[in-house]
C-alpha atoms as a PDB file:
ATOM      1  CA  MET A   1       0.000   0.000   0.000  1.00  0.00           C
ATOM      2  CA  LYS A   2       1.316   3.452  -0.898  1.00  0.00           C
ATOM      3  CA  TYR A   3       0.750   6.443   1.329  1.00  0.00           C
ATOM      4  CA  LYS A   4       0.471  10.096   0.359  1.00  0.00           C
ATOM      5  CA  ALA A   5       3.649  11.972   1.230  1.00  0.00           C
ATOM      6  CA  PRO A   6       3.130  14.550   3.963  1.00  0.00           C
ATOM      7  CA  GLY A   7       3.346  18.155   2.779  1.00  0.00           C
ATOM      8  CA  LYS A   8       4.323  19.768   6.088  1.00  0.00           C
ATOM      9  CA  CYS A   9       6.838  18.891   8.755  1.00  0.00           C
ATOM     10  CA  PRO A  10       5.076  17.303  11.739  1.00  0.00           C
ATOM     11  CA  VAL A  11       7.525  19.040  14.088  1.00  0.00           C
ATOM     12  CA  CYS A  12       7.643  22.665  12.912  1.00  0.00           C
ATOM     13  CA  GLY A  13       4.998  22.896  10.177  1.00  0.00           C
ATOM     14  CA  GLU A  14       7.433  23.994   7.445  1.00  0.00           C
ATOM     15  CA  LYS A  15       6.821  22.767   3.888  1.00  0.00           C
ATOM     16  CA  LEU A  16       8.705  19.540   3.228  1.00  0.00           C
ATOM     17  CA  THR A  17      10.918  18.982   0.210  1.00  0.00           C
ATOM     18  CA  ILE A  18      11.483  15.704  -1.562  1.00  0.00           C
ATOM     19  CA  THR A  19      15.116  14.633  -1.284  1.00  0.00           C
ATOM     20  CA  LYS A  20      15.078  11.192  -2.852  1.00  0.00           C
ATOM     21  CA  LEU A  21      13.253   9.611  -5.790  1.00  0.00           C
ATOM     22  CA  GLY A  22      13.354   5.908  -6.492  1.00  0.00           C
ATOM     23  CA  CYS A  23      12.320   3.604  -9.317  1.00  0.00           C
ATOM     24  CA  PRO A  24      10.321   0.614  -8.053  1.00  0.00           C
ATOM     25  CA  ARG A  25      11.303  -1.462 -11.097  1.00  0.00           C
ATOM     26  CA  CYS A  26      15.092  -1.141 -11.264  1.00  0.00           C
ATOM     27  CA  SER A  27      15.827   0.416  -7.843  1.00  0.00           C
ATOM     28  CA  THR A  28      17.535   3.482  -9.356  1.00  0.00           C
ATOM     29  CA  ALA A  29      17.653   6.296  -6.797  1.00  0.00           C
ATOM     30  CA  ILE A  30      18.068  10.007  -7.441  1.00  0.00           C
ATOM     31  CA  GLU A  31      18.866  12.390  -4.608  1.00  0.00           C
ATOM     32  CA  GLY A  32      18.446  16.153  -4.658  1.00  0.00           C
ATOM     33  CA  ASP A  33      16.096  18.875  -3.504  1.00  0.00           C
ATOM     34  CA  PHE A  34      12.775  18.472  -5.334  1.00  0.00           C
ATOM     35  CA  GLN A  35       9.585  20.458  -4.823  1.00  0.00           C
ATOM     36  CA  PRO A  36       6.243  18.647  -5.076  1.00  0.00           C
ATOM     37  CA  CYS A  37       3.414  20.292  -7.002  1.00  0.00           C
ATOM     38  CA  GLU A  38       1.222  22.731  -5.097  1.00  0.00           C
ATOM     39  CA  PHE A  39      -1.757  20.381  -5.284  1.00  0.00           C
ATOM     40  CA  CYS A  40       0.277  17.587  -3.680  1.00  0.00           C
ATOM     41  CA  ARG A  41       0.604  19.740  -0.570  1.00  0.00           C
ATOM     42  CA  LEU A  42      -3.165  20.105  -0.117  1.00  0.00           C
ATOM     43  CA  PRO A  43      -4.814  18.088   2.651  1.00  0.00           C
ATOM     44  CA  GLU A  44      -6.795  15.110   1.358  1.00  0.00           C
ATOM     45  CA  ASP A  45     -10.202  16.725   1.991  1.00  0.00           C
ATOM     46  CA  ASP A  46      -9.186  19.850   0.031  1.00  0.00           C
ATOM     47  CA  LEU A  47      -7.933  17.674  -2.829  1.00  0.00           C
ATOM     48  CA  GLU A  48     -11.243  15.787  -2.919  1.00  0.00           C
ATOM     49  CA  PHE A  49     -13.084  19.124  -3.015  1.00  0.00           C
ATOM     50  CA  VAL A  50     -10.919  20.235  -5.971  1.00  0.00           C
ATOM     51  CA  LYS A  51     -11.796  17.022  -7.830  1.00  0.00           C
ATOM     52  CA  VAL A  52     -15.530  17.603  -7.294  1.00  0.00           C
ATOM     53  CA  PHE A  53     -15.172  21.275  -8.235  1.00  0.00           C
ATOM     54  CA  ILE A  54     -13.416  20.368 -11.489  1.00  0.00           C
ATOM     55  CA  ARG A  55     -15.871  17.560 -12.259  1.00  0.00           C
ATOM     56  CA  CYS A  56     -18.680  20.122 -11.832  1.00  0.00           C
ATOM     57  CA  ARG A  57     -16.768  22.527 -14.133  1.00  0.00           C
ATOM     58  CA  GLY A  58     -16.646  25.151 -11.385  1.00  0.00           C
ATOM     59  CA  ASN A  59     -20.435  25.406 -11.114  1.00  0.00           C
ATOM     60  CA  ILE A  60     -20.973  26.121  -7.424  1.00  0.00           C
ATOM     61  CA  LYS A  61     -24.649  25.065  -7.546  1.00  0.00           C
ATOM     62  CA  ASP A  62     -23.599  21.637  -8.864  1.00  0.00           C
ATOM     63  CA  VAL A  63     -20.898  21.376  -6.174  1.00  0.00           C
ATOM     64  CA  GLU A  64     -23.542  22.197  -3.544  1.00  0.00           C
ATOM     65  CA  LYS A  65     -25.772  19.409  -4.851  1.00  0.00           C
ATOM     66  CA  GLU A  66     -23.024  16.814  -5.194  1.00  0.00           C
ATOM     67  CA  LEU A  67     -21.551  17.404  -1.742  1.00  0.00           C
ATOM     68  CA  GLY A  68     -24.842  18.247  -0.025  1.00  0.00           C
ATOM     69  CA  ILE A  69     -23.474  21.488   1.432  1.00  0.00           C
ATOM     70  CA  SER A  70     -24.563  25.124   1.352  1.00  0.00           C
ATOM     71  CA  TYR A  71     -23.242  27.913  -0.853  1.00  0.00           C
ATOM     72  CA  PRO A  72     -21.287  29.570   2.006  1.00  0.00           C
ATOM     73  CA  THR A  73     -19.677  26.200   2.807  1.00  0.00           C
ATOM     74  CA  VAL A  74     -18.639  25.711  -0.834  1.00  0.00           C
ATOM     75  CA  ARG A  75     -17.159  29.230  -0.869  1.00  0.00           C
ATOM     76  CA  GLY A  76     -15.343  28.545   2.402  1.00  0.00           C
ATOM     77  CA  LYS A  77     -13.856  25.317   1.052  1.00  0.00           C
ATOM     78  CA  LEU A  78     -12.852  27.055  -2.176  1.00  0.00           C
ATOM     79  CA  ASP A  79     -11.203  29.866  -0.195  1.00  0.00           C
ATOM     80  CA  ALA A  80      -9.324  27.268   1.893  1.00  0.00           C
ATOM     81  CA  VAL A  81      -7.988  25.636  -1.296  1.00  0.00           C
ATOM     82  CA  ILE A  82      -6.976  29.015  -2.713  1.00  0.00           C
ATOM     83  CA  ARG A  83      -5.078  29.843   0.489  1.00  0.00           C
ATOM     84  CA  GLY A  84      -3.590  26.314   0.550  1.00  0.00           C
ATOM     85  CA  LEU A  85      -2.162  26.938  -2.912  1.00  0.00           C
ATOM     86  CA  GLY A  86      -0.467  30.081  -1.578  1.00  0.00           C
ATOM     87  CA  PHE A  87      -2.790  32.713  -3.023  1.00  0.00           C
ATOM     88  CA  GLU A  88      -4.595  35.515  -1.218  1.00  0.00           C
ATOM     89  CA  VAL A  89      -8.364  35.376  -1.030  1.00  0.00           C
ATOM     90  CA  PRO A  90      -9.543  38.823  -2.181  1.00  0.00           C
ATOM     91  CA  GLY A  91     -12.399  40.435  -0.340  1.00  0.00           C
ATOM     92  CA  LYS A  92     -12.419  37.841   2.432  1.00  0.00           C
ATOM     93  CA  ASP A  93     -13.888  40.336   4.900  1.00  0.00           C
ATOM     94  CA  THR A  94     -16.559  41.370   2.379  1.00  0.00           C
ATOM     95  CA  ALA A  95     -17.444  37.736   1.643  1.00  0.00           C
ATOM     96  CA  LYS A  96     -17.721  36.967   5.371  1.00  0.00           C
ATOM     97  CA  GLU A  97     -19.831  40.067   5.867  1.00  0.00           C
ATOM     98  CA  ASN A  98     -22.175  38.969   3.039  1.00  0.00           C
ATOM     99  CA  ASP A  99     -22.378  35.457   4.503  1.00  0.00           C
ATOM    100  CA  ASP A 100     -23.192  36.910   7.929  1.00  0.00           C
ATOM    101  CA  LYS A 101     -25.932  39.094   6.405  1.00  0.00           C
ATOM    102  CA  ALA A 102     -27.390  36.106   4.552  1.00  0.00           C
ATOM    103  CA  ALA A 103     -27.450  34.108   7.790  1.00  0.00           C
ATOM    104  CA  LEU A 104     -29.181  36.969   9.617  1.00  0.00           C
ATOM    105  CA  ARG A 105     -31.678  37.356   6.768  1.00  0.00           C
ATOM    106  CA  ASN A 106     -32.474  33.638   6.941  1.00  0.00           C
ATOM    107  CA  GLU A 107     -32.885  33.895  10.702  1.00  0.00           C
ATOM    108  CA  ILE A 108     -35.361  36.762  10.248  1.00  0.00           C
ATOM    109  CA  LEU A 109     -37.288  34.788   7.626  1.00  0.00           C
ATOM    110  CA  ASP A 110     -37.418  31.795   9.996  1.00  0.00           C
ATOM    111  CA  GLN A 111     -38.836  34.034  12.728  1.00  0.00           C
ATOM    112  CA  LEU A 112     -41.417  35.319  10.254  1.00  0.00           C
ATOM    113  CA  SER A 113     -42.424  31.820   9.142  1.00  0.00           C
ATOM    114  CA  LYS A 114     -42.838  30.744  12.787  1.00  0.00           C
ATOM    115  CA  GLY A 115     -45.063  33.756  13.455  1.00  0.00           C
ATOM    116  CA  GLU A 116     -42.630  35.202  15.978  1.00  0.00           C
ATOM    117  CA  ILE A 117     -42.537  38.556  14.140  1.00  0.00           C
ATOM    118  CA  THR A 118     -44.877  40.355  11.760  1.00  0.00           C
ATOM    119  CA  PRO A 119     -44.150  40.914   8.067  1.00  0.00           C
ATOM    120  CA  LYS A 120     -43.638  44.614   8.806  1.00  0.00           C
ATOM    121  CA  GLU A 121     -41.084  43.811  11.535  1.00  0.00           C
ATOM    122  CA  ALA A 122     -39.296  41.384   9.215  1.00  0.00           C
ATOM    123  CA  THR A 123     -39.144  44.015   6.465  1.00  0.00           C
ATOM    124  CA  GLU A 124     -37.665  46.575   8.859  1.00  0.00           C
ATOM    125  CA  LYS A 125     -35.105  44.134  10.216  1.00  0.00           C
ATOM    126  CA  ILE A 126     -33.987  43.123   6.707  1.00  0.00           C
ATOM    127  CA  LYS A 127     -33.738  46.794   5.637  1.00  0.00           C
ATOM    128  CA  ASN A 128     -31.483  47.477   8.642  1.00  0.00           C
ATOM    129  CA  LEU A 129     -28.995  44.709   7.810  1.00  0.00           C
END
């Protein structure tokens, strides 16, 4: 059984390099300082998400359906992959703010559907978000 090579040092957390490559057929070994691809460094769950994302051609609605998760969760997983590949996630604060507003809006709509607040109160609360 082959195992996935770890991407980070278990002691200090630094990115690991590959120092030896070997041929399983003829036992040839090559030593040096090799860098694995960026995707190889992703945790297994992030790599699985990338596979689903690609299979769905980047359509977030299809990713939601296939994984059975919400839009904010898909965005969060996508942001985690982007950061894992070493890129900055633009507008992270704005995205979180929008997600928070959506959650509050849903909470208000739940209160309305349960009869805990009137339609007028719900409208005012949503306007004030």
